[in-house]
Amino acid sequence: MNATNTQNPPVPKQGKAMLTIADKPIGFETWSLINIPSTDAWHDELQEIRKLGIGMIEISAPCSRDEVQQCKGALDRLYRKCKELSLNILGWHAPALAKDIGLEEQINPITEMCSLLKTSSVTIMDWSSRETKRSSQIFKDYAQRLMEVATALNPTNAAEILDPIHVDFHVFAFHLKQAENKKGHVDDLSKTELDILLDYTDNKIGIQLDTFWLAKAGYLSPESFFNEYSLEDRHLSIHLGNKKGKLSCALGDKTGEVNCTAWLDFIKENDSVKNVVLEFMPGTLHSSKTAPNPVLVKSINWLKKHGAVII
């Protein structure tokens, strides 16, 4: 399925002191908000990243599809704290689509969560092929189901629903390998799961690329990836994955193998990139209650050396 124009995601309203690069907002993925606790222990983290100039967060799986009602109080407090700090919520990570439930059951938790967080963007996280092998036909069915969900959330005539929601798909390393059935047989030597996704969806679905997961699949620079995949009609969200090991986009640490500078050049030069998100391993943010985390400070300083500014 091809489309001529990129479906742009909603642009978060900018708060005060927003870190940007080439007019694209730089956000932070909040791993600490996975399965959001009933306590407000995450307040310190939000305050810390805001002081450093980051004005946007992406929330990692705040609660499961079946727990939205139980999460309401915590999500409301999270939204209010973000508003107090002038911290925009770019979107959130939703679990993979379930294959045995109807369309309404797929979209209702997404629309409710977006309503609670006052955001109009969601990223679908799909771990299925990491946990079990699946054939190209199974993933084709998944891609078509994803397209149905994206169309229901953001119809061509957006006036059909009050608040259209933009859908991204997070690409993992296993989406860049050939689809296999349970016996390990490769169904189509020319197709990876990402190929299939691009064939059976259109630009209603954006693509979220994480430099760490691309490196796990062997793509250490944007050139190596885009030599094999054309995403010209998709909007892109780029995650600079600051994880442990040589495949980290370590943002200034020369021990890494990923060409982070090339990724920043790509981000600056391509209008298809709509936002950039810093992503750290869980537990790496806090250092003390009185001093900013040195890893995050180092990353932001490195970004500033390569053109990032606070506006």
Protein backbone atom coordinates (compact mmCIF):
# COMPACT_ATOMS: atom_id res chain seq x y z
CA MET A 1 0.00 0.00 0.00
CA ASN A 2 1.52 3.31 -0.99
CA ALA A 3 0.41 6.84 -0.30
CA THR A 4 1.64 10.09 -1.73
CA ASN A 5 1.54 12.33 1.34
CA THR A 6 2.75 11.68 4.84
CA GLN A 7 0.03 11.68 7.50
CA ASN A 8 1.51 14.06 10.04
CA PRO A 9 1.14 13.26 13.73
CA PRO A 10 -0.23 15.91 16.06
CA VAL A 11 2.34 18.46 17.18
CA PRO A 12 2.36 18.87 20.97
CA LYS A 13 1.83 22.42 22.16
CA GLN A 14 5.21 23.68 23.27
CA GLY A 15 5.72 24.55 26.90
CA LYS A 16 8.42 26.81 28.27
CA ALA A 17 12.07 26.00 27.50
CA MET A 18 11.76 23.19 24.96
CA LEU A 19 14.90 21.33 23.84
CA THR A 20 14.83 21.03 20.04
CA ILE A 21 17.04 20.15 17.09
CA ALA A 22 16.26 21.59 13.64
CA ASP A 23 12.91 22.77 15.09
CA LYS A 24 12.04 19.18 16.08
CA PRO A 25 11.23 18.61 19.75
CA ILE A 26 13.50 16.32 21.77
CA GLY A 27 11.67 14.27 24.38
CA PHE A 28 12.43 11.67 26.99
CA GLU A 29 10.95 8.19 27.34
CA THR A 30 9.86 7.58 30.91
CA TRP A 31 10.64 3.95 31.66
CA SER A 32 9.79 4.57 35.33
CA LEU A 33 6.14 4.98 34.36
CA ILE A 34 5.72 1.39 33.13
CA ASN A 35 2.74 0.00 35.07
CA ILE A 36 2.35 3.37 36.74
CA PRO A 37 2.42 3.04 40.54
CA SER A 38 -0.28 4.40 42.80
CA THR A 39 2.37 6.48 44.60
CA ASP A 40 3.83 9.66 43.13
CA ALA A 41 7.48 8.60 43.29
CA TRP A 42 7.95 9.66 39.67
CA HIS A 43 7.49 13.38 40.51
CA ASP A 44 11.23 13.82 41.11
CA GLU A 45 12.05 12.36 37.71
CA LEU A 46 9.67 14.67 35.87
CA GLN A 47 11.01 17.70 37.72
CA GLU A 48 14.60 16.67 37.00
CA ILE A 49 14.19 16.29 33.24
CA ARG A 50 12.17 19.52 33.06
CA LYS A 51 14.96 21.49 34.77
CA LEU A 52 17.34 20.27 32.07
CA GLY A 53 15.19 21.77 29.31
CA ILE A 54 13.32 18.67 28.12
CA GLY A 55 9.74 19.72 27.52
CA MET A 56 8.18 16.50 26.23
CA ILE A 57 7.84 12.92 27.45
CA GLU A 58 6.72 9.66 25.92
CA ILE A 59 5.22 7.26 28.44
CA SER A 60 6.14 3.58 28.37
CA ALA A 61 3.10 1.32 28.84
CA PRO A 62 1.49 3.05 31.85
CA CYS A 63 -0.95 0.17 32.33
CA SER A 64 -2.33 -2.83 30.46
CA ARG A 65 -5.36 -2.91 28.18
CA ASP A 66 -7.48 -4.39 30.96
CA GLU A 67 -6.37 -2.01 33.72
CA VAL A 68 -7.27 1.42 32.36
CA GLN A 69 -10.10 1.90 34.85
CA GLN A 70 -7.84 1.04 37.81
CA CYS A 71 -5.17 3.45 36.53
CA LYS A 72 -7.44 6.48 36.20
CA GLY A 73 -6.43 8.16 39.45
CA ALA A 74 -2.70 7.77 38.86
CA LEU A 75 -2.98 8.87 35.21
CA ASP A 76 -4.92 11.98 36.23
CA ARG A 77 -2.22 12.90 38.76
CA LEU A 78 0.45 12.30 36.11
CA TYR A 79 -1.30 14.59 33.64
CA ARG A 80 -1.76 17.32 36.26
CA LYS A 81 1.90 17.16 37.27
CA CYS A 82 2.99 17.43 33.64
CA LYS A 83 0.71 20.43 33.16
CA GLU A 84 2.16 22.06 36.28
CA LEU A 85 5.67 21.62 34.86
CA SER A 86 4.71 22.71 31.31
CA LEU A 87 5.74 19.22 30.22
CA ASN A 88 4.01 17.92 27.09
CA ILE A 89 2.94 14.29 26.75
CA LEU A 90 3.94 13.27 23.21
CA GLY A 91 2.19 9.91 23.45
CA TRP A 92 2.39 6.51 25.09
CA HIS A 93 3.25 2.90 24.30
CA ALA A 94 0.35 0.52 23.95
CA PRO A 95 0.70 -3.28 24.14
CA ALA A 96 0.51 -5.37 20.97
CA LEU A 97 -2.89 -5.81 19.37
CA ALA A 98 -4.78 -8.89 20.50
CA LYS A 99 -5.94 -11.22 17.72
CA ASP A 100 -8.97 -12.68 19.47
CA ILE A 101 -10.95 -9.53 20.28
CA GLY A 102 -13.09 -7.23 18.17
CA LEU A 103 -12.22 -3.82 16.77
CA GLU A 104 -14.08 -1.88 19.45
CA GLU A 105 -12.30 -3.82 22.18
CA GLN A 106 -9.00 -2.92 20.51
CA ILE A 107 -9.63 0.79 20.21
CA ASN A 108 -11.66 1.62 23.34
CA PRO A 109 -8.73 1.32 25.80
CA ILE A 110 -6.56 3.38 23.42
CA THR A 111 -9.06 6.21 23.12
CA GLU A 112 -9.70 6.21 26.86
CA MET A 113 -6.00 6.31 27.70
CA CYS A 114 -5.40 9.14 25.21
CA SER A 115 -8.30 11.03 26.74
CA LEU A 116 -6.90 10.61 30.27
CA LEU A 117 -3.42 11.76 29.22
CA LYS A 118 -4.72 14.53 26.91
CA THR A 119 -2.64 13.22 24.03
CA SER A 120 -3.56 12.16 20.49
CA SER A 121 -0.71 9.80 19.67
CA VAL A 122 -0.06 6.15 20.50
CA THR A 123 2.75 3.73 19.62
CA ILE A 124 1.91 0.05 19.19
CA MET A 125 4.50 -2.28 20.73
CA ASP A 126 4.59 -5.73 19.13
CA TRP A 127 6.72 -8.42 20.82
CA SER A 128 5.02 -11.46 19.29
CA SER A 129 7.75 -12.61 16.92
CA ARG A 130 10.35 -12.28 19.65
CA GLU A 131 8.41 -14.73 21.80
CA THR A 132 7.24 -17.15 19.11
CA LYS A 133 7.94 -17.64 15.40
CA ARG A 134 5.15 -16.65 13.05
CA SER A 135 4.65 -17.03 9.34
CA SER A 136 4.44 -14.19 6.85
CA GLN A 137 0.68 -14.84 6.58
CA ILE A 138 0.24 -14.41 10.32
CA PHE A 139 2.11 -11.10 10.27
CA LYS A 140 0.18 -10.04 7.16
CA ASP A 141 -3.03 -10.58 9.14
CA TYR A 142 -1.52 -8.57 11.99
CA ALA A 143 -0.61 -5.68 9.67
CA GLN A 144 -4.13 -5.61 8.24
CA ARG A 145 -5.58 -5.60 11.77
CA LEU A 146 -3.25 -2.75 12.69
CA MET A 147 -4.46 -0.83 9.64
CA GLU A 148 -8.09 -1.33 10.70
CA VAL A 149 -7.28 0.07 14.15
CA ALA A 150 -5.37 3.06 12.73
CA THR A 151 -8.22 3.83 10.31
CA ALA A 152 -10.82 3.66 13.08
CA LEU A 153 -8.74 5.97 15.28
CA ASN A 154 -7.85 8.39 12.49
CA PRO A 155 -10.33 8.09 9.60
CA THR A 156 -9.72 9.74 6.24
CA ASN A 157 -12.51 12.14 7.09
CA ALA A 158 -11.27 13.17 10.54
CA ALA A 159 -14.58 14.92 11.16
CA GLU A 160 -16.09 11.46 11.59
CA ILE A 161 -14.68 11.35 15.12
CA LEU A 162 -14.12 14.10 17.66
CA ASP A 163 -10.44 13.50 18.47
CA PRO A 164 -8.46 11.57 15.81
CA ILE A 165 -5.52 9.59 17.21
CA HIS A 166 -2.27 9.07 15.32
CA VAL A 167 -0.73 5.57 15.39
CA ASP A 168 2.98 4.70 15.25
CA PHE A 169 4.50 1.22 15.00
CA HIS A 170 7.68 0.53 16.98
CA VAL A 171 10.25 -1.41 14.94
CA PHE A 172 12.31 -3.99 16.85
CA ALA A 173 15.26 -6.01 15.56
CA PHE A 174 13.08 -9.08 15.00
CA HIS A 175 10.84 -7.10 12.61
CA LEU A 176 13.88 -6.80 10.34
CA LYS A 177 14.33 -10.53 9.90
CA GLN A 178 12.55 -12.86 7.52
CA ALA A 179 9.29 -14.28 8.80
CA GLU A 180 9.49 -17.95 9.81
CA ASN A 181 6.91 -20.54 10.72
CA LYS A 182 7.10 -22.69 13.85
CA LYS A 183 9.39 -25.18 12.12
CA GLY A 184 11.88 -22.47 11.27
CA HIS A 185 11.01 -22.41 7.56
CA VAL A 186 11.44 -19.00 5.93
CA ASP A 187 8.22 -18.27 4.03
CA ASP A 188 9.48 -15.60 1.67
CA LEU A 189 13.20 -14.96 1.25
CA SER A 190 12.58 -11.40 0.08
CA LYS A 191 10.26 -10.23 2.88
CA THR A 192 10.92 -9.16 6.45
CA GLU A 193 8.11 -8.33 8.85
CA LEU A 194 8.74 -4.62 8.26
CA ASP A 195 8.44 -5.22 4.49
CA ILE A 196 5.08 -6.88 5.08
CA LEU A 197 3.92 -4.06 7.35
CA LEU A 198 4.79 -1.46 4.70
CA ASP A 199 3.02 -3.51 2.01
CA TYR A 200 -0.26 -3.83 3.92
CA THR A 201 -0.53 -0.45 5.65
CA ASP A 202 -0.35 3.14 4.50
CA ASN A 203 0.82 6.43 5.96
CA LYS A 204 -1.85 6.51 8.62
CA ILE A 205 0.75 4.50 10.49
CA GLY A 206 4.02 6.22 11.35
CA ILE A 207 7.23 4.35 12.07
CA GLN A 208 9.21 4.59 15.30
CA LEU A 209 12.88 3.70 14.84
CA ASP A 210 15.15 3.01 17.82
CA THR A 211 18.89 3.20 17.08
CA PHE A 212 19.60 0.42 19.58
CA TRP A 213 17.17 -2.08 18.01
CA LEU A 214 18.31 -1.19 14.50
CA ALA A 215 21.89 -1.83 15.59
CA LYS A 216 20.85 -5.20 17.04
CA ALA A 217 19.73 -6.07 13.50
CA GLY A 218 23.03 -4.88 12.05
CA TYR A 219 22.10 -1.33 10.99
CA LEU A 220 24.65 0.96 12.65
CA SER A 221 23.83 4.09 10.63
CA PRO A 222 20.81 5.57 8.84
CA GLU A 223 22.51 4.96 5.48
CA SER A 224 22.75 1.22 6.09
CA PHE A 225 19.07 1.04 7.05
CA PHE A 226 17.60 3.28 4.35
CA ASN A 227 19.58 1.52 1.64
CA GLU A 228 17.20 -1.39 2.26
CA TYR A 229 13.98 0.29 3.39
CA SER A 230 12.11 3.21 1.85
CA LEU A 231 9.94 5.09 4.32
CA GLU A 232 9.47 8.24 2.29
CA ASP A 233 5.70 8.34 2.77
CA ARG A 234 5.81 7.74 6.56
CA HIS A 235 6.41 10.13 9.37
CA LEU A 236 9.27 9.01 11.59
CA SER A 237 10.00 9.19 15.29
CA ILE A 238 13.67 8.53 16.09
CA HIS A 239 14.68 7.10 19.47
CA LEU A 240 18.30 7.60 20.42
CA GLY A 241 18.69 4.47 22.54
CA ASN A 242 21.15 5.12 25.34
CA LYS A 243 21.46 1.56 26.59
CA LYS A 244 24.39 -0.42 27.94
CA GLY A 245 26.89 -2.04 25.60
CA LYS A 246 28.51 -1.31 22.26
CA LEU A 247 25.19 -1.02 20.42
CA SER A 248 24.18 1.97 22.52
CA CYS A 249 23.84 5.34 20.86
CA ALA A 250 25.93 6.60 23.74
CA LEU A 251 25.66 10.26 22.75
CA GLY A 252 29.30 11.19 22.97
CA ASP A 253 30.74 7.98 24.42
CA LYS A 254 33.23 6.78 21.77
CA THR A 255 33.04 3.16 22.92
CA GLY A 256 29.74 2.70 21.09
CA GLU A 257 29.47 1.25 17.58
CA VAL A 258 26.37 3.12 16.47
CA ASN A 259 27.03 6.17 14.30
CA CYS A 260 25.09 8.62 16.45
CA THR A 261 26.42 11.66 14.60
CA ALA A 262 25.07 10.28 11.31
CA TRP A 263 21.68 9.76 12.96
CA LEU A 264 21.65 13.37 14.17
CA ASP A 265 22.52 14.58 10.65
CA PHE A 266 19.67 12.48 9.28
CA ILE A 267 17.28 13.94 11.85
CA LYS A 268 18.29 17.50 10.97
CA GLU A 269 18.09 17.01 7.21
CA ASN A 270 14.83 15.04 6.84
CA ASP A 271 11.39 16.59 7.20
CA SER A 272 9.85 13.13 7.63
CA VAL A 273 11.35 13.06 11.15
CA LYS A 274 8.77 14.67 13.42
CA ASN A 275 10.35 14.17 16.84
CA VAL A 276 13.35 12.74 18.67
CA VAL A 277 13.22 10.83 21.94
CA LEU A 278 16.05 10.03 24.36
CA GLU A 279 15.68 6.53 25.73
CA PHE A 280 17.65 5.19 28.69
CA MET A 281 17.71 1.83 30.39
CA PRO A 282 15.34 1.66 33.38
CA GLY A 283 16.93 2.93 36.57
CA THR A 284 19.62 5.06 34.92
CA LEU A 285 18.02 8.47 35.45
CA HIS A 286 18.23 9.14 39.17
CA SER A 287 21.58 9.90 40.77
CA SER A 288 20.54 11.96 43.77
CA LYS A 289 17.78 14.31 44.81
CA THR A 290 20.13 17.29 44.74
CA ALA A 291 22.15 16.85 41.52
CA PRO A 292 21.05 16.24 37.90
CA ASN A 293 21.81 12.79 36.57
CA PRO A 294 25.27 12.90 34.89
CA VAL A 295 24.28 10.52 32.07
CA LEU A 296 21.37 12.70 31.04
CA VAL A 297 23.41 15.91 31.41
CA LYS A 298 26.16 14.41 29.23
CA SER A 299 23.63 13.43 26.57
CA ILE A 300 22.03 16.86 26.48
CA ASN A 301 25.42 18.60 26.30
CA TRP A 302 26.41 16.32 23.41
CA LEU A 303 23.19 17.17 21.59
CA LYS A 304 23.81 20.88 22.10
CA LYS A 305 27.26 20.54 20.56
CA HIS A 306 25.55 19.09 17.49
CA GLY A 307 22.90 21.74 17.03
CA ALA A 308 20.27 21.20 19.73
CA VAL A 309 18.98 24.39 21.35
CA ILE A 310 16.49 25.31 24.06
CA ILE A 311 13.80 27.64 22.74
